[in-house]
């Protein structure tokens, strides 16, 4: 299989599922790489078949976090490893799905959705715009206060918090998430590569910790 196409294919398939829109994009990408459409379809189906076999053989870790979100969090946290102290937005550590009922799972899904909104500052921006165009005197100020206040409340509900961590604490946080990624590293080549990448960053931080800066 064309190695470039293989990488696009791995990125497009999420936990054994390929969306129709991603399939269309893969066909176009395959044609750009000089691969016939029929051959692209065969490559896709063969890959999906192999993935379904692997997923059925892999013992799931049951943590309530997708592969994408796991990689995103580790990318964010490991990017702070060169700092002696860093402020990080902490999300609740993933729970075991088997340890929760349907109600708990639904609540957790809601919290994650709220957390994603606060990361994008969608709620704060919306409230600030409302204040900006408010006809009442002091509208801009009210909008900003309301936006910040609402975001603070949503953060509490979602379980997220901005916290300053020392380098050793960031390392421990990364290691906790690496335990999950270690169980998934063999699912795809991409996850395996990410595991090695994050592992190297953590080892480097442990061997050469950043020095405290005095101002």
N, C-alpha and C. Protein backbone atom coordinates (compact mmCIF):
# COMPACT_ATOMS: atom_id res chain seq x y z
N UNK A 1 0.84 -1.19 0.00
CA UNK A 1 0.00 0.00 0.00
C UNK A 1 0.88 1.25 0.00
N UNK A 2 0.47 2.24 -0.78
CA UNK A 2 1.15 3.53 -0.80
C UNK A 2 1.21 4.07 0.63
N UNK A 3 2.42 4.38 1.12
CA UNK A 3 2.60 4.78 2.52
C UNK A 3 1.91 6.11 2.84
N UNK A 4 1.93 7.04 1.89
CA UNK A 4 1.25 8.32 2.11
C UNK A 4 -0.26 8.11 2.25
N UNK A 5 -0.79 7.27 1.37
CA UNK A 5 -2.23 7.00 1.42
C UNK A 5 -2.58 6.25 2.71
N UNK A 6 -1.69 5.38 3.15
CA UNK A 6 -1.93 4.62 4.37
C UNK A 6 -2.08 5.54 5.58
N UNK A 7 -1.25 6.59 5.63
CA UNK A 7 -1.32 7.53 6.74
C UNK A 7 -2.64 8.30 6.73
N UNK A 8 -3.07 8.71 5.52
CA UNK A 8 -4.36 9.40 5.41
C UNK A 8 -5.50 8.48 5.83
N UNK A 9 -5.37 7.21 5.46
CA UNK A 9 -6.40 6.22 5.77
C UNK A 9 -6.50 6.01 7.28
N UNK A 10 -5.35 5.91 7.94
CA UNK A 10 -5.34 5.71 9.39
C UNK A 10 -5.94 6.91 10.13
N UNK A 11 -5.67 8.09 9.61
CA UNK A 11 -6.22 9.30 10.23
C UNK A 11 -7.74 9.40 10.03
N UNK A 12 -8.20 8.93 8.88
CA UNK A 12 -9.62 9.06 8.53
C UNK A 12 -10.50 8.07 9.28
N UNK A 13 -9.93 6.90 9.60
CA UNK A 13 -10.70 5.87 10.28
C UNK A 13 -10.61 6.06 11.79
N UNK A 14 -11.76 6.19 12.42
CA UNK A 14 -11.81 6.40 13.87
C UNK A 14 -12.43 5.19 14.54
N UNK A 15 -11.56 4.42 15.23
CA UNK A 15 -12.00 3.23 15.97
C UNK A 15 -12.80 2.28 15.07
N UNK A 16 -12.27 2.04 13.89
CA UNK A 16 -12.87 1.08 12.96
C UNK A 16 -14.01 1.61 12.13
N UNK A 17 -14.29 2.91 12.25
CA UNK A 17 -15.42 3.51 11.52
C UNK A 17 -14.92 4.59 10.56
N UNK A 18 -15.42 4.54 9.32
CA UNK A 18 -15.07 5.54 8.32
C UNK A 18 -16.34 6.24 7.88
N UNK A 19 -16.41 7.56 8.07
CA UNK A 19 -17.59 8.32 7.67
C UNK A 19 -17.65 8.46 6.15
N UNK A 20 -18.84 8.75 5.62
CA UNK A 20 -19.01 8.91 4.18
C UNK A 20 -18.17 10.07 3.65
N UNK A 21 -18.12 11.17 4.42
CA UNK A 21 -17.36 12.34 3.98
C UNK A 21 -15.87 12.03 3.91
N UNK A 22 -15.38 11.28 4.91
CA UNK A 22 -13.96 10.90 4.89
C UNK A 22 -13.64 9.92 3.77
N UNK A 23 -14.61 9.08 3.43
CA UNK A 23 -14.41 8.13 2.33
C UNK A 23 -14.23 8.90 1.01
N UNK A 24 -15.07 9.92 0.83
CA UNK A 24 -14.98 10.75 -0.39
C UNK A 24 -13.61 11.43 -0.45
N UNK A 25 -13.18 11.97 0.69
CA UNK A 25 -11.88 12.64 0.74
C UNK A 25 -10.74 11.67 0.44
N UNK A 26 -10.86 10.45 0.92
CA UNK A 26 -9.82 9.44 0.67
C UNK A 26 -9.74 9.07 -0.81
N UNK A 27 -10.90 8.99 -1.45
CA UNK A 27 -10.92 8.67 -2.88
C UNK A 27 -10.22 9.78 -3.66
N UNK A 28 -10.51 11.03 -3.30
CA UNK A 28 -9.85 12.16 -3.98
C UNK A 28 -8.36 12.17 -3.72
N UNK A 29 -7.97 11.89 -2.47
CA UNK A 29 -6.55 11.88 -2.12
C UNK A 29 -5.83 10.74 -2.85
N UNK A 30 -6.52 9.60 -2.96
CA UNK A 30 -5.93 8.47 -3.67
C UNK A 30 -5.68 8.79 -5.14
N UNK A 31 -6.64 9.47 -5.76
CA UNK A 31 -6.49 9.86 -7.17
C UNK A 31 -5.34 10.85 -7.34
N UNK A 32 -5.19 11.75 -6.35
CA UNK A 32 -4.07 12.70 -6.40
C UNK A 32 -2.73 11.98 -6.31
N UNK A 33 -2.73 10.85 -5.61
CA UNK A 33 -1.50 10.06 -5.46
C UNK A 33 -1.32 9.06 -6.59
N UNK A 34 -2.24 9.10 -7.56
CA UNK A 34 -2.12 8.22 -8.72
C UNK A 34 -2.70 6.83 -8.53
N UNK A 35 -3.61 6.70 -7.56
CA UNK A 35 -4.24 5.40 -7.30
C UNK A 35 -5.64 5.39 -7.89
N UNK A 36 -5.96 4.34 -8.64
CA UNK A 36 -7.27 4.21 -9.28
C UNK A 36 -8.37 4.15 -8.22
N UNK A 37 -9.55 4.70 -8.54
CA UNK A 37 -10.66 4.76 -7.58
C UNK A 37 -11.07 3.38 -7.10
N UNK A 38 -11.11 2.42 -8.02
CA UNK A 38 -11.49 1.05 -7.63
C UNK A 38 -10.47 0.47 -6.66
N UNK A 39 -9.19 0.73 -6.92
CA UNK A 39 -8.14 0.24 -6.04
C UNK A 39 -8.22 0.91 -4.67
N UNK A 40 -8.58 2.20 -4.67
CA UNK A 40 -8.75 2.92 -3.40
C UNK A 40 -9.85 2.27 -2.57
N UNK A 41 -10.97 1.95 -3.22
CA UNK A 41 -12.09 1.31 -2.53
C UNK A 41 -11.67 -0.03 -1.93
N UNK A 42 -10.88 -0.79 -2.70
CA UNK A 42 -10.41 -2.09 -2.21
C UNK A 42 -9.47 -1.92 -1.02
N UNK A 43 -8.59 -0.93 -1.10
CA UNK A 43 -7.66 -0.66 0.00
C UNK A 43 -8.42 -0.27 1.27
N UNK A 44 -9.45 0.55 1.07
CA UNK A 44 -10.26 0.99 2.22
C UNK A 44 -10.96 -0.19 2.86
N UNK A 45 -11.62 -1.02 2.05
CA UNK A 45 -12.37 -2.15 2.59
C UNK A 45 -11.46 -3.17 3.26
N UNK A 46 -10.30 -3.41 2.68
CA UNK A 46 -9.35 -4.34 3.29
C UNK A 46 -8.86 -3.81 4.63
N UNK A 47 -8.60 -2.50 4.67
CA UNK A 47 -8.11 -1.89 5.91
C UNK A 47 -9.19 -1.95 6.99
N UNK A 48 -10.44 -1.64 6.62
CA UNK A 48 -11.54 -1.68 7.58
C UNK A 48 -11.75 -3.10 8.11
N UNK A 49 -11.58 -4.09 7.23
CA UNK A 49 -11.73 -5.49 7.64
C UNK A 49 -10.65 -5.87 8.64
N UNK A 50 -9.40 -5.47 8.35
CA UNK A 50 -8.28 -5.78 9.25
C UNK A 50 -8.47 -5.07 10.60
N UNK A 51 -8.97 -3.82 10.53
CA UNK A 51 -9.20 -3.07 11.76
C UNK A 51 -10.27 -3.72 12.63
N UNK A 52 -11.33 -4.19 11.98
CA UNK A 52 -12.42 -4.83 12.73
C UNK A 52 -11.92 -6.09 13.43
N UNK A 53 -11.01 -6.83 12.78
CA UNK A 53 -10.44 -8.03 13.40
C UNK A 53 -9.58 -7.66 14.59
N UNK A 54 -8.76 -6.59 14.43
CA UNK A 54 -7.88 -6.16 15.52
C UNK A 54 -8.68 -5.66 16.71
N UNK A 55 -9.72 -4.88 16.41
CA UNK A 55 -10.52 -4.32 17.50
C UNK A 55 -11.25 -5.40 18.27
N UNK A 56 -11.65 -6.46 17.57
CA UNK A 56 -12.33 -7.55 18.25
C UNK A 56 -11.37 -8.36 19.11
N UNK A 57 -10.07 -8.33 18.74
CA UNK A 57 -9.07 -9.08 19.51
C UNK A 57 -8.50 -8.27 20.66
N UNK A 58 -8.51 -6.92 20.50
CA UNK A 58 -7.93 -6.05 21.53
C UNK A 58 -8.85 -5.99 22.75
N UNK A 59 -8.28 -6.14 23.93
CA UNK A 59 -9.04 -6.00 25.17
C UNK A 59 -9.17 -4.52 25.47
N UNK A 60 -10.39 -4.02 25.46
CA UNK A 60 -10.58 -2.59 25.66
C UNK A 60 -10.25 -2.20 27.09
N UNK A 61 -9.76 -0.99 27.27
CA UNK A 61 -9.43 -0.53 28.62
C UNK A 61 -10.64 0.07 29.32
N UNK A 62 -11.72 0.30 28.55
CA UNK A 62 -12.98 0.80 29.11
C UNK A 62 -12.91 2.23 29.66
N UNK A 63 -11.85 2.96 29.36
CA UNK A 63 -11.80 4.35 29.82
C UNK A 63 -12.66 5.22 28.90
N UNK A 64 -13.41 6.13 29.51
CA UNK A 64 -14.36 6.96 28.76
C UNK A 64 -13.63 8.15 28.13
N UNK A 65 -12.79 7.84 27.15
CA UNK A 65 -12.07 8.88 26.41
C UNK A 65 -11.72 8.31 25.04
N UNK A 66 -11.96 9.10 24.01
CA UNK A 66 -11.65 8.64 22.65
C UNK A 66 -10.15 8.71 22.41
N UNK A 67 -9.69 8.02 21.40
CA UNK A 67 -8.26 8.06 21.05
C UNK A 67 -7.83 9.48 20.70
N UNK A 68 -8.69 10.18 19.95
CA UNK A 68 -8.37 11.56 19.54
C UNK A 68 -8.20 12.47 20.74
N UNK A 69 -9.15 12.40 21.69
CA UNK A 69 -9.09 13.26 22.87
C UNK A 69 -7.88 12.91 23.74
N UNK A 70 -7.58 11.62 23.82
CA UNK A 70 -6.42 11.17 24.59
C UNK A 70 -5.13 11.77 24.04
N UNK A 71 -4.99 11.73 22.73
CA UNK A 71 -3.79 12.29 22.08
C UNK A 71 -3.75 13.81 22.24
N UNK A 72 -4.92 14.46 22.13
CA UNK A 72 -4.98 15.92 22.28
C UNK A 72 -4.53 16.34 23.68
N UNK A 73 -5.04 15.65 24.69
CA UNK A 73 -4.66 16.00 26.06
C UNK A 73 -3.17 15.78 26.30
N UNK A 74 -2.66 14.66 25.85
CA UNK A 74 -1.24 14.38 26.04
C UNK A 74 -0.37 15.37 25.27
N UNK A 75 -0.84 15.78 24.10
CA UNK A 75 -0.11 16.79 23.33
C UNK A 75 -0.04 18.11 24.09
N UNK A 76 -1.18 18.50 24.69
CA UNK A 76 -1.22 19.74 25.46
C UNK A 76 -0.33 19.66 26.69
N UNK A 77 -0.42 18.55 27.41
CA UNK A 77 0.33 18.43 28.66
C UNK A 77 1.84 18.31 28.41
N UNK A 78 2.22 17.50 27.42
CA UNK A 78 3.65 17.32 27.16
C UNK A 78 4.29 18.59 26.59
N UNK A 79 3.47 19.46 26.01
CA UNK A 79 4.01 20.72 25.47
C UNK A 79 4.46 21.66 26.59
N UNK A 80 4.04 21.35 27.82
CA UNK A 80 4.41 22.18 28.98
C UNK A 80 5.59 21.60 29.75
N UNK A 81 6.15 20.51 29.30
CA UNK A 81 7.20 19.82 30.06
C UNK A 81 8.52 20.59 30.12
N UNK A 82 8.69 21.58 29.27
CA UNK A 82 9.93 22.36 29.29
C UNK A 82 9.86 23.54 30.27
N UNK A 83 8.71 23.69 30.90
CA UNK A 83 8.52 24.80 31.84
C UNK A 83 8.60 24.30 33.28
N UNK A 84 9.19 25.14 34.15
CA UNK A 84 9.29 24.78 35.58
C UNK A 84 7.91 24.78 36.23
N UNK A 85 7.11 25.77 35.89
CA UNK A 85 5.72 25.85 36.32
C UNK A 85 4.88 26.23 35.10
N UNK A 86 3.67 25.71 35.04
CA UNK A 86 2.79 26.04 33.91
C UNK A 86 1.34 25.97 34.34
N UNK A 87 0.53 26.88 33.81
CA UNK A 87 -0.91 26.85 34.08
C UNK A 87 -1.57 25.99 33.00
N UNK A 88 -2.29 24.98 33.45
CA UNK A 88 -2.90 24.02 32.53
C UNK A 88 -4.38 23.89 32.83
N UNK A 89 -5.18 23.80 31.76
CA UNK A 89 -6.60 23.52 31.97
C UNK A 89 -6.75 22.02 32.15
N UNK A 90 -7.12 21.63 33.34
CA UNK A 90 -7.26 20.21 33.67
C UNK A 90 -8.68 19.74 33.46
N UNK A 91 -8.82 18.65 32.72
CA UNK A 91 -10.11 18.01 32.57
C UNK A 91 -10.19 16.86 33.56
N UNK A 92 -11.40 16.46 33.94
CA UNK A 92 -11.52 15.31 34.84
C UNK A 92 -10.86 14.08 34.21
N UNK A 93 -10.12 13.33 35.02
CA UNK A 93 -9.47 12.13 34.48
C UNK A 93 -10.55 11.15 34.04
N UNK A 94 -10.37 10.50 32.88
CA UNK A 94 -11.39 9.58 32.35
C UNK A 94 -11.80 8.50 33.35
N UNK A 95 -13.10 8.26 33.42
CA UNK A 95 -13.61 7.21 34.30
C UNK A 95 -13.73 5.91 33.54
N UNK A 96 -13.81 4.83 34.30
CA UNK A 96 -14.05 3.51 33.70
C UNK A 96 -15.53 3.40 33.37
N UNK A 97 -15.85 3.08 32.12
CA UNK A 97 -17.25 2.96 31.72
C UNK A 97 -17.97 1.88 32.50
N UNK A 98 -17.27 0.81 32.84
CA UNK A 98 -17.89 -0.30 33.56
C UNK A 98 -18.24 0.07 34.99
N UNK A 99 -17.67 1.19 35.47
CA UNK A 99 -17.92 1.59 36.85
C UNK A 99 -19.09 2.57 36.95
N UNK A 100 -19.76 2.85 35.83
CA UNK A 100 -20.85 3.83 35.82
C UNK A 100 -22.10 3.24 35.19
N UNK A 101 -23.25 3.76 35.61
CA UNK A 101 -24.50 3.39 34.97
C UNK A 101 -24.77 4.29 33.79
N UNK A 102 -25.92 4.14 33.16
CA UNK A 102 -26.27 4.96 32.01
C UNK A 102 -26.39 6.43 32.39
N UNK A 103 -26.93 6.69 33.57
CA UNK A 103 -27.10 8.08 34.01
C UNK A 103 -25.74 8.73 34.18
N UNK A 104 -24.81 8.01 34.82
CA UNK A 104 -23.46 8.55 35.03
C UNK A 104 -22.76 8.80 33.72
N UNK A 105 -22.92 7.89 32.77
CA UNK A 105 -22.29 8.04 31.46
C UNK A 105 -22.85 9.26 30.73
N UNK A 106 -24.17 9.46 30.83
CA UNK A 106 -24.79 10.61 30.18
C UNK A 106 -24.31 11.92 30.79
N UNK A 107 -24.21 11.96 32.11
CA UNK A 107 -23.72 13.16 32.78
C UNK A 107 -22.29 13.47 32.38
N UNK A 108 -21.49 12.42 32.29
CA UNK A 108 -20.09 12.62 31.93
C UNK A 108 -19.97 13.14 30.50
N UNK A 109 -20.83 12.65 29.61
CA UNK A 109 -20.83 13.14 28.24
C UNK A 109 -21.18 14.62 28.20
N UNK A 110 -22.15 15.02 29.02
CA UNK A 110 -22.54 16.43 29.09
C UNK A 110 -21.41 17.30 29.60
N UNK A 111 -20.71 16.81 30.61
CA UNK A 111 -19.59 17.57 31.16
C UNK A 111 -18.50 17.77 30.12
N UNK A 112 -18.21 16.71 29.34
CA UNK A 112 -17.18 16.81 28.32
C UNK A 112 -17.58 17.82 27.24
N UNK A 113 -18.87 17.85 26.91
CA UNK A 113 -19.34 18.81 25.90
C UNK A 113 -19.16 20.24 26.41
N UNK A 114 -19.49 20.47 27.69
CA UNK A 114 -19.31 21.80 28.26
C UNK A 114 -17.83 22.18 28.30
N UNK A 115 -16.99 21.21 28.62
CA UNK A 115 -15.55 21.49 28.69
C UNK A 115 -15.02 21.91 27.33
N UNK A 116 -15.51 21.28 26.27
CA UNK A 116 -15.05 21.63 24.93
C UNK A 116 -15.47 23.04 24.55
N UNK A 117 -16.64 23.46 25.04
CA UNK A 117 -17.11 24.82 24.76
C UNK A 117 -16.24 25.85 25.46
N UNK A 118 -15.87 25.59 26.70
CA UNK A 118 -15.06 26.55 27.44
C UNK A 118 -13.66 26.64 26.86
N UNK A 119 -13.14 25.53 26.34
CA UNK A 119 -11.81 25.56 25.72
C UNK A 119 -11.81 26.48 24.51
N UNK A 120 -12.91 26.48 23.79
CA UNK A 120 -12.99 27.31 22.59
C UNK A 120 -13.44 28.73 22.90
N UNK A 121 -13.74 29.01 24.19
CA UNK A 121 -14.19 30.34 24.62
C UNK A 121 -15.48 30.77 23.91
N UNK A 122 -16.28 29.79 23.48
CA UNK A 122 -17.51 30.11 22.76
C UNK A 122 -18.49 30.82 23.67
N UNK A 123 -18.64 30.33 24.91
CA UNK A 123 -19.61 30.92 25.82
C UNK A 123 -19.21 32.34 26.20
N UNK A 124 -17.95 32.52 26.55
CA UNK A 124 -17.48 33.84 26.95
C UNK A 124 -17.63 34.84 25.80
N UNK A 125 -17.23 34.45 24.60
CA UNK A 125 -17.32 35.34 23.45
C UNK A 125 -18.77 35.74 23.16
N UNK A 126 -19.69 34.77 23.29
CA UNK A 126 -21.09 35.05 23.02
C UNK A 126 -21.64 36.08 24.01
N UNK A 127 -21.30 35.91 25.28
CA UNK A 127 -21.80 36.83 26.29
C UNK A 127 -21.18 38.21 26.13
N UNK A 128 -19.92 38.25 25.75
CA UNK A 128 -19.27 39.54 25.55
C UNK A 128 -19.88 40.28 24.38
N UNK A 129 -20.24 39.55 23.33
CA UNK A 129 -20.90 40.17 22.18
C UNK A 129 -22.26 40.71 22.57
N UNK A 130 -22.95 39.96 23.42
CA UNK A 130 -24.27 40.40 23.88
C UNK A 130 -24.14 41.71 24.64
N UNK A 131 -23.09 41.81 25.46
CA UNK A 131 -22.87 43.04 26.21
C UNK A 131 -22.45 44.17 25.32
N UNK A 132 -21.64 43.85 24.30
CA UNK A 132 -21.13 44.88 23.39
C UNK A 132 -22.25 45.59 22.66
N UNK A 133 -23.26 44.83 22.26
CA UNK A 133 -24.34 45.43 21.48
C UNK A 133 -25.58 45.74 22.31
N UNK A 134 -25.43 45.64 23.64
CA UNK A 134 -26.56 45.96 24.50
C UNK A 134 -26.83 47.47 24.48
N UNK A 135 -28.09 47.88 24.40
CA UNK A 135 -28.42 49.31 24.35
C UNK A 135 -28.33 50.00 25.70
N UNK A 136 -28.25 49.23 26.80
CA UNK A 136 -28.23 49.86 28.11
C UNK A 136 -26.86 50.42 28.41
N UNK A 137 -26.78 51.49 29.23
CA UNK A 137 -25.49 52.08 29.58
C UNK A 137 -24.61 51.04 30.28
N UNK A 138 -23.34 51.04 29.93
CA UNK A 138 -22.41 50.10 30.55
C UNK A 138 -22.56 48.70 30.00
N UNK A 139 -23.16 48.57 28.84
CA UNK A 139 -23.44 47.25 28.27
C UNK A 139 -22.20 46.41 28.05
N UNK A 140 -21.13 47.05 27.58
CA UNK A 140 -19.89 46.31 27.32
C UNK A 140 -19.36 45.68 28.59
N UNK A 141 -19.36 46.46 29.66
CA UNK A 141 -18.84 45.98 30.92
C UNK A 141 -19.68 44.82 31.45
N UNK A 142 -21.00 44.97 31.37
CA UNK A 142 -21.90 43.92 31.85
C UNK A 142 -21.69 42.65 31.05
N UNK A 143 -21.52 42.79 29.74
CA UNK A 143 -21.33 41.62 28.90
C UNK A 143 -20.08 40.85 29.28
N UNK A 144 -18.99 41.56 29.55
CA UNK A 144 -17.74 40.91 29.90
C UNK A 144 -17.84 40.21 31.24
N UNK A 145 -18.48 40.87 32.21
CA UNK A 145 -18.64 40.25 33.52
C UNK A 145 -19.48 38.98 33.42
N UNK A 146 -20.59 39.10 32.66
CA UNK A 146 -21.49 37.96 32.50
C UNK A 146 -20.78 36.82 31.80
N UNK A 147 -19.99 37.14 30.77
CA UNK A 147 -19.28 36.10 30.03
C UNK A 147 -18.28 35.36 30.91
N UNK A 148 -17.49 36.11 31.66
CA UNK A 148 -16.50 35.48 32.54
C UNK A 148 -17.17 34.69 33.64
N UNK A 149 -18.26 35.24 34.18
CA UNK A 149 -18.97 34.55 35.25
C UNK A 149 -19.58 33.25 34.78
N UNK A 150 -20.20 33.29 33.59
CA UNK A 150 -20.82 32.09 33.04
C UNK A 150 -19.78 31.02 32.77
N UNK A 151 -18.65 31.43 32.20
CA UNK A 151 -17.60 30.45 31.92
C UNK A 151 -17.12 29.81 33.21
N UNK A 152 -17.00 30.60 34.28
CA UNK A 152 -16.56 30.07 35.57
C UNK A 152 -17.53 29.02 36.08
N UNK A 153 -18.82 29.30 35.96
CA UNK A 153 -19.84 28.36 36.41
C UNK A 153 -19.79 27.07 35.59
N UNK A 154 -19.69 27.23 34.27
CA UNK A 154 -19.64 26.06 33.38
C UNK A 154 -18.41 25.21 33.67
N UNK A 155 -17.28 25.87 33.94
CA UNK A 155 -16.06 25.12 34.28
C UNK A 155 -16.29 24.23 35.49
N UNK A 156 -17.01 24.76 36.49
CA UNK A 156 -17.26 23.98 37.70
C UNK A 156 -18.13 22.77 37.39
N UNK A 157 -19.16 22.99 36.55
CA UNK A 157 -20.05 21.89 36.19
C UNK A 157 -19.29 20.84 35.38
N UNK A 158 -18.48 21.31 34.44
CA UNK A 158 -17.75 20.39 33.58
C UNK A 158 -16.62 19.69 34.32
N UNK A 159 -16.22 20.25 35.46
CA UNK A 159 -15.14 19.63 36.22
C UNK A 159 -13.77 20.09 35.78
N UNK A 160 -13.71 21.08 34.89
CA UNK A 160 -12.41 21.58 34.43
C UNK A 160 -11.94 22.68 35.36
N UNK A 161 -10.63 22.87 35.40
CA UNK A 161 -10.05 23.94 36.20
C UNK A 161 -8.69 24.32 35.65
N UNK A 162 -8.38 25.58 35.75
CA UNK A 162 -7.05 26.06 35.38
C UNK A 162 -6.18 26.00 36.62
N UNK A 163 -5.11 25.25 36.55
CA UNK A 163 -4.28 25.04 37.72
C UNK A 163 -2.81 25.15 37.37
N UNK A 164 -2.07 25.79 38.26
CA UNK A 164 -0.62 25.90 38.06
C UNK A 164 0.05 24.66 38.63
N UNK A 165 0.81 23.98 37.80
CA UNK A 165 1.49 22.76 38.21
C UNK A 165 2.99 22.90 38.09
N UNK A 166 3.70 22.26 39.01
CA UNK A 166 5.14 22.18 38.89
C UNK A 166 5.50 21.15 37.83
N UNK A 167 6.73 21.19 37.37
CA UNK A 167 7.16 20.27 36.32
C UNK A 167 6.96 18.81 36.72
N UNK A 168 7.29 18.48 37.98
CA UNK A 168 7.15 17.09 38.44
C UNK A 168 5.68 16.66 38.44
N UNK A 169 4.79 17.60 38.70
CA UNK A 169 3.36 17.29 38.70
C UNK A 169 2.84 17.09 37.28
N UNK A 170 3.38 17.86 36.34
CA UNK A 170 3.00 17.71 34.94
C UNK A 170 3.45 16.34 34.43
N UNK A 171 4.65 15.94 34.84
CA UNK A 171 5.17 14.62 34.45
C UNK A 171 4.26 13.52 34.96
N UNK A 172 3.84 13.61 36.22
CA UNK A 172 2.96 12.59 36.80
C UNK A 172 1.61 12.56 36.09
N UNK A 173 1.12 13.75 35.72
CA UNK A 173 -0.15 13.83 34.98
C UNK A 173 -0.02 13.12 33.63
N UNK A 174 1.08 13.39 32.93
CA UNK A 174 1.32 12.76 31.64
C UNK A 174 1.40 11.24 31.78
N UNK A 175 2.06 10.77 32.83
CA UNK A 175 2.23 9.33 33.03
C UNK A 175 0.89 8.63 33.27
N UNK A 176 -0.03 9.32 33.94
CA UNK A 176 -1.35 8.74 34.17
C UNK A 176 -2.07 8.49 32.85
N UNK A 177 -1.99 9.47 31.95
CA UNK A 177 -2.64 9.31 30.65
C UNK A 177 -1.87 8.32 29.76
N UNK A 178 -0.57 8.24 29.96
CA UNK A 178 0.23 7.29 29.18
C UNK A 178 -0.14 5.84 29.50
N UNK A 179 -0.63 5.59 30.69
CA UNK A 179 -1.07 4.23 31.05
C UNK A 179 -2.22 3.79 30.16
N UNK A 180 -3.09 4.76 29.80
CA UNK A 180 -4.20 4.44 28.90
C UNK A 180 -3.68 4.25 27.48
N UNK A 181 -2.83 5.18 27.04
CA UNK A 181 -2.31 5.10 25.68
C UNK A 181 -1.47 3.84 25.47
N UNK A 182 -0.81 3.40 26.52
CA UNK A 182 0.01 2.17 26.42
C UNK A 182 -0.86 0.97 26.06
N UNK A 183 -2.08 0.95 26.56
CA UNK A 183 -2.99 -0.16 26.26
C UNK A 183 -3.57 -0.06 24.85
N UNK A 184 -3.49 1.14 24.25
CA UNK A 184 -4.07 1.34 22.92
C UNK A 184 -3.03 1.49 21.82
N UNK A 185 -1.77 1.50 22.18
CA UNK A 185 -0.71 1.83 21.24
C UNK A 185 -0.65 0.89 20.04
N UNK A 186 -1.13 -0.34 20.20
CA UNK A 186 -1.07 -1.31 19.11
C UNK A 186 -2.30 -1.29 18.21
N UNK A 187 -3.26 -0.42 18.52
CA UNK A 187 -4.47 -0.35 17.70
C UNK A 187 -4.18 0.19 16.31
N UNK A 188 -3.35 1.24 16.24
CA UNK A 188 -2.99 1.82 14.95
C UNK A 188 -1.53 2.26 14.98
N UNK A 189 -0.98 2.44 13.80
CA UNK A 189 0.41 2.89 13.69
C UNK A 189 0.56 4.30 14.26
N UNK A 190 -0.46 5.14 14.04
CA UNK A 190 -0.43 6.51 14.53
C UNK A 190 -0.34 6.54 16.06
N UNK A 191 -1.17 5.73 16.73
CA UNK A 191 -1.15 5.69 18.19
C UNK A 191 0.20 5.18 18.70
N UNK A 192 0.78 4.23 17.99
CA UNK A 192 2.09 3.73 18.37
C UNK A 192 3.16 4.81 18.27
N UNK A 193 3.08 5.58 17.18
CA UNK A 193 4.04 6.68 16.98
C UNK A 193 3.87 7.75 18.05
N UNK A 194 2.62 8.06 18.38
CA UNK A 194 2.36 9.08 19.40
C UNK A 194 2.85 8.62 20.77
N UNK A 195 2.67 7.35 21.05
CA UNK A 195 3.14 6.81 22.33
C UNK A 195 4.65 7.00 22.46
N UNK A 196 5.38 6.64 21.41
CA UNK A 196 6.84 6.79 21.42
C UNK A 196 7.25 8.26 21.55
N UNK A 197 6.52 9.13 20.85
CA UNK A 197 6.82 10.57 20.89
C UNK A 197 6.63 11.14 22.29
N UNK A 198 5.49 10.81 22.93
CA UNK A 198 5.23 11.33 24.27
C UNK A 198 6.18 10.72 25.30
N UNK A 199 6.48 9.45 25.13
CA UNK A 199 7.39 8.77 26.06
C UNK A 199 8.76 9.43 26.05
N UNK A 200 9.24 9.80 24.86
CA UNK A 200 10.53 10.45 24.72
C UNK A 200 10.53 11.82 25.40
N UNK A 201 9.45 12.56 25.24
CA UNK A 201 9.35 13.88 25.86
C UNK A 201 9.36 13.78 27.39
N UNK A 202 8.67 12.78 27.91
CA UNK A 202 8.61 12.59 29.36
C UNK A 202 9.99 12.20 29.91
N UNK A 203 10.66 11.30 29.22
CA UNK A 203 12.00 10.87 29.65
C UNK A 203 12.97 12.04 29.64
N UNK A 204 12.88 12.86 28.60
CA UNK A 204 13.76 14.03 28.50
C UNK A 204 13.51 14.99 29.65
N UNK A 205 12.24 15.19 30.00
CA UNK A 205 11.89 16.09 31.10
C UNK A 205 12.40 15.56 32.43
N UNK A 206 12.39 14.25 32.59
CA UNK A 206 12.87 13.65 33.83
C UNK A 206 14.39 13.74 33.95
N UNK A 207 15.06 13.53 32.81
CA UNK A 207 16.53 13.55 32.82
C UNK A 207 17.08 14.97 32.86
N UNK A 208 16.38 15.89 32.21
CA UNK A 208 16.85 17.29 32.17
C UNK A 208 15.72 18.23 32.57
N UNK A 209 15.38 18.24 33.86
CA UNK A 209 14.27 19.10 34.30
C UNK A 209 14.59 20.57 34.14
N UNK A 210 13.59 21.37 33.79
CA UNK A 210 13.83 22.83 33.60
C UNK A 210 14.16 23.48 34.94
N UNK A 211 15.00 24.51 34.88
CA UNK A 211 15.39 25.20 36.09
C UNK A 211 14.40 26.33 36.40
N UNK A 212 14.28 26.59 37.67
CA UNK A 212 13.37 27.65 38.09
C UNK A 212 13.94 29.01 37.70
N UNK A 213 13.07 29.87 37.17
CA UNK A 213 13.51 31.19 36.74
C UNK A 213 13.24 32.20 37.86
N UNK A 214 14.23 33.03 38.15
CA UNK A 214 14.09 34.07 39.16
C UNK A 214 14.06 35.43 38.48
N UNK A 215 13.10 36.22 38.81
CA UNK A 215 12.97 37.54 38.19
C UNK A 215 13.29 38.63 39.21
